[in-house]
Amino acid sequence: MRLRPGEPEASGWRVERLSEVVRRLREPAPAGRPVLVAIDGRGGAGKSSLAERLRAVVAASAVVHTDDVAWNHAYFDWSGLLIENIVKPLHRGEAVEFRPRAWVEHHRPGGIRVAAGTDVVWIEGTGIIREELVPWFDASIWVQGDLDEQERRLVVRDGDSADQRRHVAAWLAEELPLILREQPWRKASFIVAGTTGLPHDPGSEIVIAPAVGRVGNT
């Protein structure tokens, strides 16, 4: 598996029932508010797909994408926006109805919404498992995968134009030092394989490993 320098390859991979993993992520359930689970990983790792798979297991759950919070704002300088407008209301057991200022300025319709009474909120995005955000989450996942496959996925999703290559270069100039500094694979509850050769049923099973350097992993 090809990884960025400084990221150790996880070991101890095992196949588990997706429903069992979700059950453990939800325990113990906090009173009066949803369980908040962070899903981190590099671009193309499979964070959004994983979040949707998890959401499907819990009927009363919702997904929040940090890309929506960060849209036309900043690549990674969005912690304050996320905490004040999404995480704090959820901790108070309130609904979220957030229309970022950049959405208004650029005439993007709609907003970021989470209904009151939601059981679990899956918040996914590169850079979400960082020091100032970890205390707000009940559990977290780092998605690790082969860089060649991740880069292939990004080209399929976003294209390979000159503008896109400039965007990727600017993104990586901020992502690489942030991820290396924060080492989210050590803070996570466990690691999920974004790419794997282990036989499993993607519809009902998931491949996980203990977080690197973490004691008492899920």
N, C-alpha and C. Protein backbone atom coordinates (compact mmCIF):
# COMPACT_ATOMS: atom_id res chain seq x y z
N MET A 1 0.84 -1.20 0.00
CA MET A 1 0.00 0.00 0.00
C MET A 1 0.88 1.25 0.00
N ARG A 2 0.62 2.16 -0.93
CA ARG A 2 1.40 3.40 -0.98
C ARG A 2 0.71 4.47 -0.14
N LEU A 3 1.43 5.01 0.84
CA LEU A 3 0.91 6.03 1.74
C LEU A 3 1.80 7.25 1.69
N ARG A 4 1.29 8.38 2.18
CA ARG A 4 2.10 9.58 2.28
C ARG A 4 3.20 9.37 3.32
N PRO A 5 4.37 10.01 3.12
CA PRO A 5 5.43 9.90 4.13
C PRO A 5 4.91 10.34 5.50
N GLY A 6 5.25 9.55 6.52
CA GLY A 6 4.85 9.87 7.89
C GLY A 6 3.60 9.15 8.35
N GLU A 7 2.84 8.56 7.40
CA GLU A 7 1.64 7.81 7.80
C GLU A 7 1.97 6.32 7.85
N PRO A 8 1.92 5.70 9.02
CA PRO A 8 2.22 4.27 9.11
C PRO A 8 1.05 3.44 8.60
N GLU A 9 1.38 2.30 8.00
CA GLU A 9 0.33 1.40 7.52
C GLU A 9 -0.29 0.67 8.70
N ALA A 10 -1.60 0.65 8.77
CA ALA A 10 -2.29 -0.06 9.85
C ALA A 10 -2.09 -1.56 9.70
N SER A 11 -2.22 -2.27 10.80
CA SER A 11 -2.11 -3.72 10.79
C SER A 11 -3.24 -4.30 11.63
N GLY A 12 -3.35 -5.62 11.59
CA GLY A 12 -4.43 -6.25 12.34
C GLY A 12 -5.79 -6.09 11.71
N TRP A 13 -5.82 -5.97 10.37
CA TRP A 13 -7.09 -5.80 9.67
C TRP A 13 -7.99 -7.00 9.89
N ARG A 14 -9.28 -6.73 10.06
CA ARG A 14 -10.25 -7.81 10.24
C ARG A 14 -11.59 -7.39 9.62
N VAL A 15 -12.37 -8.38 9.24
CA VAL A 15 -13.69 -8.13 8.69
C VAL A 15 -14.71 -8.20 9.82
N GLU A 16 -15.58 -7.19 9.90
CA GLU A 16 -16.63 -7.17 10.91
C GLU A 16 -17.96 -6.81 10.27
N ARG A 17 -19.04 -7.19 10.94
CA ARG A 17 -20.36 -6.79 10.50
C ARG A 17 -20.49 -5.28 10.66
N LEU A 18 -20.97 -4.62 9.63
CA LEU A 18 -21.14 -3.17 9.68
C LEU A 18 -22.08 -2.79 10.82
N SER A 19 -23.13 -3.55 11.01
CA SER A 19 -24.09 -3.25 12.06
C SER A 19 -23.46 -3.34 13.45
N GLU A 20 -22.53 -4.26 13.64
CA GLU A 20 -21.86 -4.40 14.94
C GLU A 20 -20.93 -3.23 15.19
N VAL A 21 -20.23 -2.79 14.17
CA VAL A 21 -19.35 -1.64 14.31
C VAL A 21 -20.15 -0.39 14.66
N VAL A 22 -21.28 -0.21 14.00
CA VAL A 22 -22.14 0.94 14.29
C VAL A 22 -22.66 0.86 15.72
N ARG A 23 -23.03 -0.33 16.17
CA ARG A 23 -23.51 -0.48 17.55
C ARG A 23 -22.45 -0.02 18.55
N ARG A 24 -21.20 -0.39 18.31
CA ARG A 24 -20.13 0.00 19.24
C ARG A 24 -19.86 1.50 19.17
N LEU A 25 -19.95 2.06 17.97
CA LEU A 25 -19.74 3.50 17.83
C LEU A 25 -20.79 4.29 18.61
N ARG A 26 -21.96 3.75 18.77
CA ARG A 26 -23.07 4.46 19.42
C ARG A 26 -23.09 4.29 20.93
N GLU A 27 -22.19 3.50 21.48
CA GLU A 27 -22.21 3.24 22.92
C GLU A 27 -20.98 3.84 23.60
N PRO A 28 -21.22 4.51 24.76
CA PRO A 28 -22.53 4.80 25.36
C PRO A 28 -23.17 6.00 24.67
N ALA A 29 -24.48 5.94 24.50
CA ALA A 29 -25.20 7.04 23.84
C ALA A 29 -25.37 8.20 24.81
N PRO A 30 -25.02 9.42 24.41
CA PRO A 30 -25.21 10.57 25.29
C PRO A 30 -26.69 10.90 25.45
N ALA A 31 -27.04 11.48 26.58
CA ALA A 31 -28.44 11.82 26.85
C ALA A 31 -28.78 13.17 26.21
N GLY A 32 -29.91 13.22 25.53
CA GLY A 32 -30.44 14.48 25.05
C GLY A 32 -29.82 15.03 23.78
N ARG A 33 -28.98 14.27 23.13
CA ARG A 33 -28.35 14.75 21.89
C ARG A 33 -27.91 13.56 21.05
N PRO A 34 -27.60 13.78 19.76
CA PRO A 34 -27.12 12.69 18.92
C PRO A 34 -25.68 12.30 19.24
N VAL A 35 -25.34 11.08 18.89
CA VAL A 35 -23.94 10.65 18.87
C VAL A 35 -23.27 11.34 17.69
N LEU A 36 -22.09 11.92 17.91
CA LEU A 36 -21.34 12.59 16.84
C LEU A 36 -20.11 11.77 16.49
N VAL A 37 -20.00 11.38 15.23
CA VAL A 37 -18.89 10.55 14.78
C VAL A 37 -18.16 11.27 13.64
N ALA A 38 -16.85 11.46 13.80
CA ALA A 38 -16.03 12.11 12.77
C ALA A 38 -15.44 11.04 11.85
N ILE A 39 -15.43 11.33 10.56
CA ILE A 39 -14.84 10.43 9.55
C ILE A 39 -13.81 11.22 8.76
N ASP A 40 -12.55 10.85 8.92
CA ASP A 40 -11.44 11.57 8.29
C ASP A 40 -10.71 10.66 7.32
N GLY A 41 -9.97 11.24 6.41
CA GLY A 41 -9.19 10.49 5.44
C GLY A 41 -8.77 11.42 4.33
N ARG A 42 -7.84 11.00 3.53
CA ARG A 42 -7.36 11.84 2.43
C ARG A 42 -8.38 11.88 1.29
N GLY A 43 -8.17 12.81 0.38
CA GLY A 43 -9.06 12.92 -0.76
C GLY A 43 -9.13 11.63 -1.55
N GLY A 44 -10.34 11.15 -1.84
CA GLY A 44 -10.51 9.92 -2.59
C GLY A 44 -10.42 8.66 -1.75
N ALA A 45 -10.31 8.81 -0.43
CA ALA A 45 -10.17 7.63 0.43
C ALA A 45 -11.46 6.83 0.54
N GLY A 46 -12.59 7.50 0.35
CA GLY A 46 -13.87 6.82 0.47
C GLY A 46 -14.68 7.27 1.67
N LYS A 47 -14.41 8.48 2.17
CA LYS A 47 -15.10 9.00 3.36
C LYS A 47 -16.60 9.17 3.12
N SER A 48 -16.95 9.79 2.01
CA SER A 48 -18.37 10.05 1.73
C SER A 48 -19.13 8.74 1.53
N SER A 49 -18.53 7.80 0.84
CA SER A 49 -19.18 6.50 0.63
C SER A 49 -19.37 5.78 1.95
N LEU A 50 -18.35 5.83 2.81
CA LEU A 50 -18.46 5.20 4.12
C LEU A 50 -19.55 5.87 4.94
N ALA A 51 -19.60 7.19 4.93
CA ALA A 51 -20.62 7.91 5.69
C ALA A 51 -22.03 7.50 5.24
N GLU A 52 -22.23 7.32 3.95
CA GLU A 52 -23.54 6.91 3.46
C GLU A 52 -23.86 5.48 3.86
N ARG A 53 -22.86 4.61 3.87
CA ARG A 53 -23.09 3.23 4.32
C ARG A 53 -23.49 3.22 5.80
N LEU A 54 -22.83 4.04 6.60
CA LEU A 54 -23.15 4.11 8.03
C LEU A 54 -24.53 4.72 8.24
N ARG A 55 -24.83 5.76 7.47
CA ARG A 55 -26.14 6.41 7.60
C ARG A 55 -27.26 5.42 7.31
N ALA A 56 -27.04 4.53 6.34
CA ALA A 56 -28.08 3.58 5.97
C ALA A 56 -28.37 2.57 7.08
N VAL A 57 -27.38 2.35 7.96
CA VAL A 57 -27.58 1.41 9.06
C VAL A 57 -28.45 2.01 10.15
N VAL A 58 -28.35 3.33 10.34
CA VAL A 58 -29.13 4.02 11.38
C VAL A 58 -30.15 4.90 10.69
N ALA A 59 -31.41 4.51 10.76
CA ALA A 59 -32.44 5.24 10.02
C ALA A 59 -32.50 6.71 10.42
N ALA A 60 -32.43 6.98 11.72
CA ALA A 60 -32.51 8.37 12.20
C ALA A 60 -31.10 8.95 12.35
N SER A 61 -30.39 9.01 11.23
CA SER A 61 -29.05 9.59 11.25
C SER A 61 -28.88 10.52 10.07
N ALA A 62 -27.85 11.34 10.12
CA ALA A 62 -27.60 12.34 9.08
C ALA A 62 -26.12 12.46 8.82
N VAL A 63 -25.78 12.93 7.63
CA VAL A 63 -24.39 13.14 7.22
C VAL A 63 -24.15 14.63 7.00
N VAL A 64 -23.06 15.14 7.56
CA VAL A 64 -22.61 16.51 7.30
C VAL A 64 -21.25 16.43 6.63
N HIS A 65 -21.08 17.16 5.54
CA HIS A 65 -19.81 17.17 4.80
C HIS A 65 -19.06 18.47 5.11
N THR A 66 -17.82 18.36 5.55
CA THR A 66 -17.05 19.59 5.81
C THR A 66 -16.80 20.36 4.53
N ASP A 67 -16.84 19.70 3.38
CA ASP A 67 -16.69 20.42 2.11
C ASP A 67 -17.80 21.46 1.94
N ASP A 68 -18.99 21.18 2.50
CA ASP A 68 -20.07 22.15 2.43
C ASP A 68 -19.81 23.33 3.37
N VAL A 69 -19.27 23.04 4.56
CA VAL A 69 -18.93 24.11 5.50
C VAL A 69 -17.82 24.98 4.90
N ALA A 70 -16.85 24.33 4.23
CA ALA A 70 -15.67 25.03 3.73
C ALA A 70 -15.87 25.66 2.35
N TRP A 71 -16.99 25.41 1.71
CA TRP A 71 -17.21 25.83 0.32
C TRP A 71 -16.98 27.34 0.16
N ASN A 72 -16.03 27.68 -0.71
CA ASN A 72 -15.68 29.08 -0.97
C ASN A 72 -15.28 29.84 0.31
N HIS A 73 -14.80 29.10 1.29
CA HIS A 73 -14.35 29.71 2.55
C HIS A 73 -12.85 29.48 2.74
N ALA A 74 -12.45 28.22 2.92
CA ALA A 74 -11.04 27.88 3.09
C ALA A 74 -10.90 26.38 2.97
N TYR A 75 -9.71 25.92 2.61
CA TYR A 75 -9.50 24.48 2.52
C TYR A 75 -9.66 23.82 3.89
N PHE A 76 -9.01 24.38 4.91
CA PHE A 76 -9.01 23.72 6.22
C PHE A 76 -9.29 24.64 7.40
N ASP A 77 -9.38 25.92 7.18
CA ASP A 77 -9.63 26.85 8.28
C ASP A 77 -11.13 27.03 8.50
N TRP A 78 -11.78 25.93 8.93
CA TRP A 78 -13.23 25.96 9.10
C TRP A 78 -13.68 25.40 10.45
N SER A 79 -12.74 25.12 11.35
CA SER A 79 -13.10 24.52 12.65
C SER A 79 -14.10 25.38 13.41
N GLY A 80 -13.86 26.70 13.45
CA GLY A 80 -14.74 27.59 14.18
C GLY A 80 -16.15 27.58 13.63
N LEU A 81 -16.28 27.63 12.29
CA LEU A 81 -17.60 27.57 11.67
C LEU A 81 -18.33 26.28 12.03
N LEU A 82 -17.61 25.18 11.99
CA LEU A 82 -18.21 23.89 12.28
C LEU A 82 -18.67 23.82 13.73
N ILE A 83 -17.82 24.24 14.65
CA ILE A 83 -18.16 24.16 16.07
C ILE A 83 -19.35 25.04 16.39
N GLU A 84 -19.29 26.30 15.99
CA GLU A 84 -20.33 27.25 16.39
C GLU A 84 -21.68 26.98 15.74
N ASN A 85 -21.68 26.56 14.49
CA ASN A 85 -22.93 26.48 13.74
C ASN A 85 -23.52 25.09 13.59
N ILE A 86 -22.70 24.07 13.84
CA ILE A 86 -23.18 22.69 13.69
C ILE A 86 -22.99 21.89 14.98
N VAL A 87 -21.77 21.84 15.48
CA VAL A 87 -21.48 20.96 16.61
C VAL A 87 -22.14 21.45 17.90
N LYS A 88 -22.03 22.73 18.19
CA LYS A 88 -22.64 23.23 19.44
C LYS A 88 -24.16 23.06 19.45
N PRO A 89 -24.87 23.41 18.38
CA PRO A 89 -26.32 23.14 18.39
C PRO A 89 -26.64 21.66 18.60
N LEU A 90 -25.86 20.78 17.98
CA LEU A 90 -26.10 19.35 18.15
C LEU A 90 -25.86 18.92 19.60
N HIS A 91 -24.85 19.48 20.23
CA HIS A 91 -24.58 19.16 21.64
C HIS A 91 -25.70 19.65 22.54
N ARG A 92 -26.40 20.68 22.12
CA ARG A 92 -27.54 21.18 22.90
C ARG A 92 -28.82 20.43 22.56
N GLY A 93 -28.75 19.47 21.66
CA GLY A 93 -29.92 18.72 21.26
C GLY A 93 -30.83 19.47 20.32
N GLU A 94 -30.30 20.49 19.66
CA GLU A 94 -31.09 21.32 18.77
C GLU A 94 -30.93 20.89 17.30
N ALA A 95 -31.86 21.31 16.48
CA ALA A 95 -31.73 21.12 15.03
C ALA A 95 -30.65 22.06 14.50
N VAL A 96 -30.07 21.69 13.37
CA VAL A 96 -29.11 22.55 12.68
C VAL A 96 -29.77 23.12 11.44
N GLU A 97 -29.66 24.43 11.29
CA GLU A 97 -30.14 25.13 10.08
C GLU A 97 -29.10 26.20 9.80
N PHE A 98 -28.08 25.84 9.00
CA PHE A 98 -26.93 26.71 8.80
C PHE A 98 -26.75 27.02 7.33
N ARG A 99 -26.77 28.28 7.01
CA ARG A 99 -26.49 28.74 5.64
C ARG A 99 -25.22 29.58 5.71
N PRO A 100 -24.06 28.97 5.36
CA PRO A 100 -22.79 29.70 5.47
C PRO A 100 -22.81 31.00 4.66
N ARG A 101 -22.09 31.98 5.15
CA ARG A 101 -22.06 33.28 4.48
C ARG A 101 -21.57 33.16 3.04
N ALA A 102 -20.60 32.27 2.80
CA ALA A 102 -20.11 32.10 1.43
C ALA A 102 -21.21 31.59 0.51
N TRP A 103 -22.15 30.82 1.03
CA TRP A 103 -23.28 30.37 0.21
C TRP A 103 -24.15 31.56 -0.21
N VAL A 104 -24.35 32.46 0.74
CA VAL A 104 -25.16 33.65 0.45
C VAL A 104 -24.45 34.52 -0.58
N GLU A 105 -23.16 34.75 -0.35
CA GLU A 105 -22.39 35.64 -1.23
C GLU A 105 -22.28 35.10 -2.64
N HIS A 106 -22.25 33.77 -2.79
CA HIS A 106 -22.09 33.17 -4.12
C HIS A 106 -23.40 32.57 -4.64
N HIS A 107 -24.51 32.92 -3.96
CA HIS A 107 -25.85 32.55 -4.43
C HIS A 107 -26.05 31.04 -4.54
N ARG A 108 -25.44 30.30 -3.61
CA ARG A 108 -25.69 28.86 -3.55
C ARG A 108 -26.98 28.64 -2.76
N PRO A 109 -27.94 27.94 -3.31
CA PRO A 109 -29.22 27.76 -2.60
C PRO A 109 -29.11 26.75 -1.46
N GLY A 110 -30.11 26.75 -0.60
CA GLY A 110 -30.20 25.75 0.45
C GLY A 110 -29.36 26.05 1.65
N GLY A 111 -29.05 25.01 2.42
CA GLY A 111 -28.24 25.16 3.62
C GLY A 111 -27.88 23.80 4.17
N ILE A 112 -27.19 23.79 5.29
CA ILE A 112 -26.79 22.55 5.96
C ILE A 112 -27.81 22.31 7.07
N ARG A 113 -28.52 21.19 7.00
CA ARG A 113 -29.61 20.94 7.91
C ARG A 113 -29.49 19.57 8.58
N VAL A 114 -29.76 19.54 9.87
CA VAL A 114 -29.88 18.28 10.62
C VAL A 114 -31.13 18.43 11.49
N ALA A 115 -32.03 17.49 11.38
CA ALA A 115 -33.29 17.57 12.13
C ALA A 115 -33.07 17.30 13.61
N ALA A 116 -33.87 17.92 14.44
CA ALA A 116 -33.87 17.61 15.87
C ALA A 116 -34.32 16.16 16.05
N GLY A 117 -33.79 15.50 17.07
CA GLY A 117 -34.16 14.11 17.33
C GLY A 117 -33.35 13.10 16.54
N THR A 118 -32.35 13.54 15.79
CA THR A 118 -31.48 12.63 15.05
C THR A 118 -30.64 11.80 16.04
N ASP A 119 -30.49 10.51 15.78
CA ASP A 119 -29.76 9.63 16.69
C ASP A 119 -28.24 9.73 16.53
N VAL A 120 -27.78 9.79 15.28
CA VAL A 120 -26.34 9.84 15.00
C VAL A 120 -26.10 10.85 13.89
N VAL A 121 -25.04 11.65 14.02
CA VAL A 121 -24.61 12.54 12.95
C VAL A 121 -23.18 12.14 12.56
N TRP A 122 -23.03 11.74 11.31
CA TRP A 122 -21.73 11.38 10.76
C TRP A 122 -21.16 12.62 10.09
N ILE A 123 -20.04 13.15 10.58
CA ILE A 123 -19.45 14.37 10.02
C ILE A 123 -18.15 13.97 9.34
N GLU A 124 -18.14 14.10 8.01
CA GLU A 124 -16.98 13.59 7.26
C GLU A 124 -16.24 14.71 6.55
N GLY A 125 -14.91 14.56 6.49
CA GLY A 125 -14.10 15.50 5.75
C GLY A 125 -12.64 15.40 6.12
N THR A 126 -11.79 15.66 5.17
CA THR A 126 -10.35 15.64 5.43
C THR A 126 -9.99 16.71 6.45
N GLY A 127 -9.30 16.30 7.50
CA GLY A 127 -8.83 17.23 8.52
C GLY A 127 -9.77 17.40 9.70
N ILE A 128 -10.80 16.58 9.79
CA ILE A 128 -11.75 16.77 10.88
C ILE A 128 -11.26 16.19 12.21
N ILE A 129 -10.40 15.17 12.16
CA ILE A 129 -9.84 14.64 13.41
C ILE A 129 -8.60 15.46 13.74
N ARG A 130 -8.84 16.60 14.36
CA ARG A 130 -7.74 17.47 14.77
C ARG A 130 -7.94 17.88 16.23
N GLU A 131 -6.89 18.42 16.83
CA GLU A 131 -6.85 18.63 18.27
C GLU A 131 -8.05 19.42 18.80
N GLU A 132 -8.40 20.51 18.12
CA GLU A 132 -9.47 21.36 18.66
C GLU A 132 -10.87 20.79 18.44
N LEU A 133 -10.99 19.77 17.60
CA LEU A 133 -12.29 19.19 17.31
C LEU A 133 -12.55 17.87 18.02
N VAL A 134 -11.49 17.12 18.30
CA VAL A 134 -11.64 15.79 18.90
C VAL A 134 -12.53 15.78 20.14
N PRO A 135 -12.40 16.74 21.08
CA PRO A 135 -13.24 16.68 22.29
C PRO A 135 -14.74 16.77 22.02
N TRP A 136 -15.13 17.26 20.85
CA TRP A 136 -16.55 17.41 20.54
C TRP A 136 -17.18 16.13 20.01
N PHE A 137 -16.36 15.14 19.65
CA PHE A 137 -16.87 13.92 19.04
C PHE A 137 -16.89 12.76 20.03
N ASP A 138 -17.87 11.88 19.83
CA ASP A 138 -18.00 10.69 20.66
C ASP A 138 -17.15 9.54 20.13
N ALA A 139 -16.86 9.55 18.85
CA ALA A 139 -16.04 8.52 18.21
C ALA A 139 -15.52 9.08 16.90
N SER A 140 -14.52 8.41 16.34
CA SER A 140 -13.95 8.90 15.08
C SER A 140 -13.33 7.75 14.31
N ILE A 141 -13.24 7.94 12.99
CA ILE A 141 -12.72 6.93 12.07
C ILE A 141 -11.72 7.57 11.13
N TRP A 142 -10.58 6.93 10.96
CA TRP A 142 -9.63 7.31 9.92
C TRP A 142 -9.74 6.30 8.79
N VAL A 143 -9.94 6.76 7.56
CA VAL A 143 -10.04 5.89 6.39
C VAL A 143 -8.69 5.86 5.70
N GLN A 144 -8.08 4.68 5.68
CA GLN A 144 -6.75 4.54 5.08
C GLN A 144 -6.86 3.73 3.79
N GLY A 145 -6.19 4.21 2.75
CA GLY A 145 -6.22 3.50 1.49
C GLY A 145 -4.98 3.79 0.65
N ASP A 146 -4.84 3.05 -0.40
CA ASP A 146 -3.69 3.19 -1.29
C ASP A 146 -3.80 4.49 -2.08
N LEU A 147 -2.72 5.27 -2.09
CA LEU A 147 -2.73 6.57 -2.76
C LEU A 147 -2.98 6.45 -4.26
N ASP A 148 -2.46 5.42 -4.89
CA ASP A 148 -2.68 5.26 -6.33
C ASP A 148 -4.18 5.14 -6.63
N GLU A 149 -4.88 4.35 -5.81
CA GLU A 149 -6.31 4.18 -6.01
C GLU A 149 -7.06 5.45 -5.68
N GLN A 150 -6.65 6.15 -4.63
CA GLN A 150 -7.31 7.40 -4.27
C GLN A 150 -7.15 8.44 -5.37
N GLU A 151 -5.95 8.54 -5.93
CA GLU A 151 -5.72 9.50 -7.00
C GLU A 151 -6.53 9.15 -8.24
N ARG A 152 -6.66 7.85 -8.52
CA ARG A 152 -7.48 7.43 -9.66
C ARG A 152 -8.93 7.85 -9.45
N ARG A 153 -9.44 7.64 -8.23
CA ARG A 153 -10.83 8.02 -7.93
C ARG A 153 -11.04 9.53 -8.11
N LEU A 154 -10.06 10.32 -7.67
CA LEU A 154 -10.20 11.77 -7.78
C LEU A 154 -10.26 12.21 -9.23
N VAL A 155 -9.46 11.59 -10.09
CA VAL A 155 -9.47 11.95 -11.51
C VAL A 155 -10.81 11.59 -12.12
N VAL A 156 -11.35 10.41 -11.76
CA VAL A 156 -12.66 10.01 -12.26
C VAL A 156 -13.72 10.99 -11.79
N ARG A 157 -13.64 11.42 -10.53
CA ARG A 157 -14.66 12.31 -9.96
C ARG A 157 -14.53 13.75 -10.44
N ASP A 158 -13.28 14.27 -10.46
CA ASP A 158 -13.08 15.71 -10.68
C ASP A 158 -12.40 16.05 -12.00
N GLY A 159 -11.92 15.06 -12.74
CA GLY A 159 -11.22 15.34 -13.98
C GLY A 159 -9.73 15.60 -13.74
N ASP A 160 -9.03 15.90 -14.83
CA ASP A 160 -7.58 16.09 -14.75
C ASP A 160 -7.16 17.30 -15.58
N SER A 161 -7.96 18.35 -15.52
CA SER A 161 -7.64 19.56 -16.26
C SER A 161 -6.50 20.32 -15.57
N ALA A 162 -5.96 21.32 -16.26
CA ALA A 162 -4.89 22.13 -15.66
C ALA A 162 -5.39 22.84 -14.41
N ASP A 163 -6.62 23.35 -14.46
CA ASP A 163 -7.19 24.01 -13.28
C ASP A 163 -7.33 23.05 -12.12
N GLN A 164 -7.76 21.83 -12.41
CA GLN A 164 -7.92 20.85 -11.34
C GLN A 164 -6.57 20.46 -10.74
N ARG A 165 -5.54 20.34 -11.58
CA ARG A 165 -4.21 20.01 -11.06
C ARG A 165 -3.69 21.13 -10.17
N ARG A 166 -3.96 22.39 -10.53
CA ARG A 166 -3.56 23.52 -9.67
C ARG A 166 -4.32 23.49 -8.34
N HIS A 167 -5.60 23.15 -8.42
CA HIS A 167 -6.40 23.04 -7.20
C HIS A 167 -5.85 21.95 -6.28
N VAL A 168 -5.51 20.81 -6.85
CA VAL A 168 -4.98 19.70 -6.05
C VAL A 168 -3.65 20.09 -5.42
N ALA A 169 -2.80 20.77 -6.18
CA ALA A 169 -1.51 21.20 -5.63
C ALA A 169 -1.69 22.17 -4.48
N ALA A 170 -2.61 23.11 -4.61
CA ALA A 170 -2.88 24.07 -3.53
C ALA A 170 -3.47 23.36 -2.31
N TRP A 171 -4.36 22.41 -2.55
CA TRP A 171 -4.96 21.62 -1.46
C TRP A 171 -3.88 20.86 -0.70
N LEU A 172 -3.02 20.15 -1.43
CA LEU A 172 -2.00 19.33 -0.78
C LEU A 172 -0.99 20.17 -0.01
N ALA A 173 -0.74 21.39 -0.48
CA ALA A 173 0.19 22.27 0.23
C ALA A 173 -0.30 22.56 1.65
N GLU A 174 -1.62 22.51 1.86
CA GLU A 174 -2.17 22.69 3.21
C GLU A 174 -2.48 21.37 3.89
N GLU A 175 -2.96 20.39 3.11
CA GLU A 175 -3.34 19.11 3.72
C GLU A 175 -2.14 18.37 4.32
N LEU A 176 -1.05 18.28 3.58
CA LEU A 176 0.07 17.44 4.02
C LEU A 176 0.62 17.86 5.38
N PRO A 177 0.94 19.14 5.61
CA PRO A 177 1.44 19.50 6.94
C PRO A 177 0.39 19.35 8.04
N LEU A 178 -0.89 19.62 7.71
CA LEU A 178 -1.95 19.48 8.71
C LEU A 178 -2.07 18.02 9.16
N ILE A 179 -2.17 17.10 8.22
CA ILE A 179 -2.35 15.70 8.56
C ILE A 179 -1.12 15.15 9.26
N LEU A 180 0.06 15.55 8.82
CA LEU A 180 1.28 15.06 9.46
C LEU A 180 1.38 15.57 10.89
N ARG A 181 0.94 16.81 11.11
CA ARG A 181 0.98 17.36 12.47
C ARG A 181 -0.06 16.70 13.37
N GLU A 182 -1.26 16.51 12.87
CA GLU A 182 -2.35 16.01 13.71
C GLU A 182 -2.33 14.49 13.88
N GLN A 183 -1.79 13.75 12.89
CA GLN A 183 -1.74 12.29 12.94
C GLN A 183 -3.08 11.69 13.36
N PRO A 184 -4.13 11.91 12.56
CA PRO A 184 -5.47 11.45 12.94
C PRO A 184 -5.58 9.94 13.13
N TRP A 185 -4.70 9.17 12.50
CA TRP A 185 -4.73 7.71 12.67
C TRP A 185 -4.42 7.31 14.11
N ARG A 186 -3.81 8.20 14.89
CA ARG A 186 -3.56 7.92 16.31
C ARG A 186 -4.72 8.36 17.20
N LYS A 187 -5.48 9.35 16.76
CA LYS A 187 -6.59 9.87 17.56
C LYS A 187 -7.89 9.11 17.32
N ALA A 188 -7.99 8.40 16.19
CA ALA A 188 -9.24 7.76 15.79
C ALA A 188 -9.61 6.60 16.71
N SER A 189 -10.92 6.31 16.76
CA SER A 189 -11.39 5.13 17.49
C SER A 189 -10.88 3.86 16.82
N PHE A 190 -10.88 3.85 15.50
CA PHE A 190 -10.29 2.77 14.73
C PHE A 190 -10.11 3.23 13.29
N ILE A 191 -9.48 2.38 12.48
CA ILE A 191 -9.19 2.68 11.09
C ILE A 191 -10.04 1.78 10.19
N VAL A 192 -10.56 2.35 9.13
CA VAL A 192 -11.33 1.60 8.14
C VAL A 192 -10.51 1.54 6.85
N ALA A 193 -10.53 0.40 6.20
CA ALA A 193 -9.81 0.24 4.93
C ALA A 193 -10.61 0.87 3.80
N GLY A 194 -10.01 1.88 3.16
CA GLY A 194 -10.64 2.47 1.98
C GLY A 194 -10.39 1.63 0.75
N THR A 195 -9.27 0.91 0.74
CA THR A 195 -8.97 -0.07 -0.30
C THR A 195 -8.45 -1.31 0.42
N THR A 196 -8.90 -2.47 0.00
CA THR A 196 -8.50 -3.70 0.69
C THR A 196 -8.60 -4.90 -0.25
N GLY A 197 -7.78 -5.89 0.03
CA GLY A 197 -7.86 -7.14 -0.70
C GLY A 197 -8.54 -8.23 0.11
N LEU A 198 -8.97 -7.90 1.34
CA LEU A 198 -9.64 -8.89 2.17
C LEU A 198 -11.04 -9.17 1.63
N PRO A 199 -11.38 -10.43 1.41
CA PRO A 199 -12.73 -10.75 0.93
C PRO A 199 -13.78 -10.36 1.98
N HIS A 200 -14.80 -9.63 1.54
CA HIS A 200 -15.89 -9.26 2.43
C HIS A 200 -17.07 -8.81 1.60
N ASP A 201 -18.23 -8.75 2.22
CA ASP A 201 -19.45 -8.29 1.56
C ASP A 201 -19.60 -6.80 1.83
N PRO A 202 -19.36 -5.93 0.83
CA PRO A 202 -19.45 -4.48 1.07
C PRO A 202 -20.83 -4.03 1.53
N GLY A 203 -21.84 -4.82 1.25
CA GLY A 203 -23.18 -4.44 1.66
C GLY A 203 -23.44 -4.59 3.15
N SER A 204 -22.73 -5.53 3.79
CA SER A 204 -23.01 -5.80 5.20
C SER A 204 -21.76 -5.87 6.08
N GLU A 205 -20.58 -5.82 5.47
CA GLU A 205 -19.34 -5.97 6.24
C GLU A 205 -18.39 -4.81 5.99
N ILE A 206 -17.43 -4.67 6.88
CA ILE A 206 -16.46 -3.58 6.80
C ILE A 206 -15.11 -4.12 7.27
N VAL A 207 -14.03 -3.59 6.72
CA VAL A 207 -12.68 -4.02 7.10
C VAL A 207 -12.08 -2.94 7.98
N ILE A 208 -11.72 -3.31 9.23
CA ILE A 208 -11.22 -2.33 10.18
C ILE A 208 -9.93 -2.82 10.82
N ALA A 209 -9.21 -1.87 11.45
CA ALA A 209 -7.99 -2.18 12.17
C ALA A 209 -7.90 -1.24 13.37
N PRO A 210 -7.13 -1.62 14.40
CA PRO A 210 -6.93 -0.71 15.53
C PRO A 210 -6.22 0.56 15.07
N ALA A 211 -6.55 1.68 15.70
CA ALA A 211 -5.85 2.92 15.40
C ALA A 211 -4.38 2.79 15.77
N VAL A 212 -3.51 3.35 14.95
CA VAL A 212 -2.07 3.23 15.15
C VAL A 212 -1.66 3.96 16.43
N GLY A 213 -1.05 3.24 17.36
CA GLY A 213 -0.54 3.87 18.57
C GLY A 213 -1.58 4.11 19.63
N ARG A 214 -2.83 3.68 19.42
CA ARG A 214 -3.91 3.91 20.38
C ARG A 214 -4.06 2.70 21.30
N VAL A 215 -4.29 2.95 22.55
CA VAL A 215 -4.49 1.89 23.52
C VAL A 215 -5.97 1.73 23.76
N GLY A 216 -6.46 0.49 23.83
CA GLY A 216 -7.87 0.24 24.09
C GLY A 216 -8.74 0.61 22.92
N ASN A 217 -8.40 0.11 21.73
CA ASN A 217 -9.13 0.46 20.50
C ASN A 217 -10.47 -0.24 20.45
N THR A 218 -11.40 0.37 19.64
CA THR A 218 -12.67 -0.26 19.37
C THR A 218 -12.44 -1.53 18.54
